[in-house]
Amino acid sequence: MAEEFFTPEEVAAKLKLSKYTIYEMIKRGDLEAHRIGRGLRISSEQLEGYLHQHKTDEDNVFDAQLVQSEQGTYARLLHCEPEVLFHVSTPLTGAVRVSIEPENIIISHTQLVCSARNVHKGMVTAIQEENGHCMLTLYIGVPLKVALTSYSVQEMDLKPGDMLYAIFKSMSVKVTAR
């Protein structure tokens, strides 16, 4: 799929900001843009990266430091005990922010052998029903939110205190520079 590009004015309209604010964000380096001829264009990827980097109260957003190993690149989450590593796919290095959407995590009572590089064991600390679905909190060293249907919670007989595995692919972990 071809990437979409926006003018600063179009980004301003999307974010409900003035075009002058967008130009100032580009000038400060807060928002990346491409100079094409005499104009500026912001790619959909650059806009998404900016929005991801400036998330505040979102679930499953963590500051991390990237580390290399024989198995690939890992994001070592900061401020957690015990150490939590997410296998990631990124060309970035150094300090980053990582996130995983609650809908991209599956859970299992047993450890699965599968293509997903991220398998983390943890304890269910909360289950909240919201609008016909459930948000389960699994503590794996950090609280990890997992979106499930109410039917799955019932069928799996899930309750606080259960030990489960959270499973997600490396490509599901979004990584942006901090």
Protein backbone atom coordinates (compact mmCIF):
# COMPACT_ATOMS: atom_id res chain seq x y z
CA MET A 1 0.00 0.00 0.00
CA ALA A 2 1.40 3.41 -0.96
CA GLU A 3 2.15 5.78 1.88
CA GLU A 4 -0.04 8.87 2.16
CA PHE A 5 1.43 12.38 2.51
CA PHE A 6 -0.19 15.45 4.06
CA THR A 7 0.49 19.17 3.92
CA PRO A 8 1.05 20.96 7.25
CA GLU A 9 -2.40 22.51 6.78
CA GLU A 10 -4.01 19.07 6.40
CA VAL A 11 -2.23 17.80 9.53
CA ALA A 12 -3.38 20.93 11.39
CA ALA A 13 -6.97 20.18 10.40
CA LYS A 14 -6.65 16.53 11.47
CA LEU A 15 -5.21 17.47 14.88
CA LYS A 16 -7.46 20.52 15.28
CA LEU A 17 -4.45 22.82 15.63
CA SER A 18 -3.39 25.92 13.75
CA LYS A 19 -1.10 25.53 10.76
CA TYR A 20 1.38 27.81 12.58
CA THR A 21 1.56 25.29 15.45
CA ILE A 22 2.34 22.49 12.97
CA TYR A 23 5.08 24.57 11.31
CA GLU A 24 6.56 25.33 14.76
CA MET A 25 6.48 21.61 15.68
CA ILE A 26 8.37 20.81 12.46
CA LYS A 27 10.88 23.62 13.10
CA ARG A 28 11.55 22.34 16.67
CA GLY A 29 12.00 18.80 15.37
CA ASP A 30 8.98 17.46 17.28
CA LEU A 31 7.25 16.42 14.05
CA GLU A 32 9.29 15.04 11.16
CA ALA A 33 8.53 16.25 7.63
CA HIS A 34 9.90 15.87 4.12
CA ARG A 35 10.95 18.92 2.15
CA ILE A 36 9.72 18.42 -1.38
CA GLY A 37 10.65 21.33 -3.59
CA ARG A 38 9.58 24.41 -1.67
CA GLY A 39 6.88 22.62 0.31
CA LEU A 40 6.70 20.34 3.34
CA ARG A 41 4.93 17.01 3.48
CA ILE A 42 4.27 14.80 6.49
CA SER A 43 3.88 11.09 5.79
CA SER A 44 1.19 9.05 7.50
CA GLU A 45 4.03 7.07 9.15
CA GLN A 46 5.62 10.27 10.52
CA LEU A 47 2.28 11.49 11.87
CA GLU A 48 1.54 8.11 13.46
CA GLY A 49 5.03 8.08 15.02
CA TYR A 50 4.51 11.54 16.51
CA LEU A 51 1.11 10.58 17.93
CA HIS A 52 2.47 7.30 19.31
CA GLN A 53 5.43 9.04 20.93
CA HIS A 54 3.16 11.56 22.66
CA LYS A 55 0.59 9.14 24.03
CA THR A 56 -0.11 9.84 27.68
CA ASP A 57 -2.74 7.63 29.27
CA GLU A 58 -2.76 4.71 26.86
CA ASP A 59 -2.56 1.08 27.90
CA ASN A 60 0.61 -0.92 27.25
CA VAL A 61 2.94 2.01 26.52
CA PHE A 62 6.41 1.60 28.04
CA ASP A 63 9.76 3.37 27.96
CA ALA A 64 12.55 0.98 27.04
CA GLN A 65 16.18 0.62 25.99
CA LEU A 66 16.97 -1.46 22.92
CA VAL A 67 19.51 -4.26 23.34
CA GLN A 68 20.92 -6.74 20.83
CA SER A 69 21.35 -10.48 21.29
CA GLU A 70 21.93 -13.48 19.05
CA GLN A 71 18.15 -13.89 18.79
CA GLY A 72 17.56 -10.31 17.61
CA THR A 73 16.59 -6.95 19.04
CA TYR A 74 14.89 -6.64 22.42
CA ALA A 75 13.28 -3.70 24.18
CA ARG A 76 14.31 -3.84 27.86
CA LEU A 77 11.41 -2.18 29.65
CA LEU A 78 12.47 0.43 32.18
CA HIS A 79 11.27 0.58 35.78
CA CYS A 80 10.02 -2.98 36.11
CA GLU A 81 10.89 -5.91 38.32
CA PRO A 82 11.65 -8.59 37.29
CA GLU A 83 13.26 -7.57 34.00
CA VAL A 84 10.89 -7.65 31.03
CA LEU A 85 12.16 -7.94 27.45
CA PHE A 86 9.97 -7.58 24.37
CA HIS A 87 11.34 -9.01 21.13
CA VAL A 88 10.92 -6.22 18.55
CA SER A 89 11.56 -5.57 14.88
CA THR A 90 13.05 -2.10 14.39
CA PRO A 91 16.03 -0.33 12.82
CA LEU A 92 16.14 2.08 15.80
CA THR A 93 18.76 1.96 18.57
CA GLY A 94 18.95 3.38 22.07
CA ALA A 95 16.10 4.83 24.11
CA VAL A 96 12.63 4.08 22.73
CA ARG A 97 8.97 3.92 23.60
CA VAL A 98 7.18 0.65 22.86
CA SER A 99 3.50 -0.18 22.80
CA ILE A 100 1.32 -3.16 22.11
CA GLU A 101 -2.40 -2.84 21.46
CA PRO A 102 -4.49 -4.91 23.92
CA GLU A 103 -6.29 -6.48 20.93
CA ASN A 104 -2.99 -7.88 19.58
CA ILE A 105 -2.30 -10.06 22.61
CA ILE A 106 -3.62 -13.58 23.01
CA ILE A 107 -3.61 -15.47 26.27
CA SER A 108 -3.26 -19.13 27.09
CA HIS A 109 -3.30 -21.33 30.18
CA THR A 110 -0.25 -23.17 28.81
CA GLN A 111 2.92 -22.09 27.05
CA LEU A 112 2.47 -22.50 23.30
CA VAL A 113 5.09 -23.40 20.73
CA CYS A 114 4.35 -20.86 18.00
CA SER A 115 5.91 -18.25 15.72
CA ALA A 116 5.32 -15.41 18.19
CA ARG A 117 8.62 -14.35 19.80
CA ASN A 118 6.98 -12.79 22.86
CA VAL A 119 5.64 -15.22 25.44
CA HIS A 120 5.34 -13.80 28.97
CA LYS A 121 3.95 -15.56 32.02
CA GLY A 122 2.01 -13.48 34.51
CA MET A 123 -0.81 -13.30 37.01
CA VAL A 124 -4.26 -11.92 36.34
CA THR A 125 -4.75 -8.94 38.65
CA ALA A 126 -8.05 -7.60 37.30
CA ILE A 127 -10.84 -8.28 34.82
CA GLN A 128 -13.14 -5.41 33.89
CA GLU A 129 -16.15 -5.73 31.64
CA GLU A 130 -16.68 -2.78 29.28
CA ASN A 131 -19.30 -2.54 26.51
CA GLY A 132 -19.59 -6.27 25.85
CA HIS A 133 -15.90 -7.04 26.02
CA CYS A 134 -13.42 -7.47 28.84
CA MET A 135 -10.10 -5.83 29.66
CA LEU A 136 -7.87 -8.24 31.55
CA THR A 137 -4.78 -6.99 33.39
CA LEU A 138 -1.92 -9.50 33.44
CA TYR A 139 1.07 -8.59 35.62
CA ILE A 140 4.28 -9.78 33.89
CA GLY A 141 6.64 -7.39 35.72
CA VAL A 142 4.52 -4.54 34.33
CA PRO A 143 0.72 -4.47 34.02
CA LEU A 144 -0.22 -5.65 30.54
CA LYS A 145 -3.77 -4.98 29.31
CA VAL A 146 -5.37 -7.68 27.17
CA ALA A 147 -8.69 -7.24 25.34
CA LEU A 148 -10.97 -10.28 25.30
CA THR A 149 -14.57 -11.07 24.60
CA SER A 150 -16.78 -11.78 27.59
CA TYR A 151 -17.35 -15.22 26.07
CA SER A 152 -13.59 -15.98 26.14
CA VAL A 153 -13.35 -14.96 29.79
CA GLN A 154 -16.30 -17.22 30.62
CA GLU A 155 -15.17 -20.15 28.44
CA MET A 156 -11.60 -20.04 29.84
CA ASP A 157 -12.99 -19.55 33.39
CA LEU A 158 -10.60 -16.64 33.96
CA LYS A 159 -10.36 -14.97 37.36
CA PRO A 160 -7.93 -12.82 39.33
CA GLY A 161 -5.00 -14.86 40.61
CA ASP A 162 -4.83 -17.14 37.54
CA MET A 163 -1.41 -17.65 35.97
CA LEU A 164 -1.54 -17.17 32.19
CA TYR A 165 0.76 -16.62 29.22
CA ALA A 166 0.54 -13.45 27.12
CA ILE A 167 1.59 -14.10 23.53
CA PHE A 168 2.24 -11.57 20.77
CA LYS A 169 4.37 -11.21 17.65
CA SER A 170 7.41 -8.94 17.42
CA MET A 171 5.78 -7.06 14.56
CA SER A 172 2.83 -6.16 16.84
CA VAL A 173 5.11 -4.11 19.10
CA LYS A 174 5.28 -0.51 17.87
CA VAL A 175 8.62 1.16 18.51
CA THR A 176 9.35 4.90 18.35
CA ALA A 177 12.38 6.95 19.36
CA ARG A 178 12.17 8.69 22.72
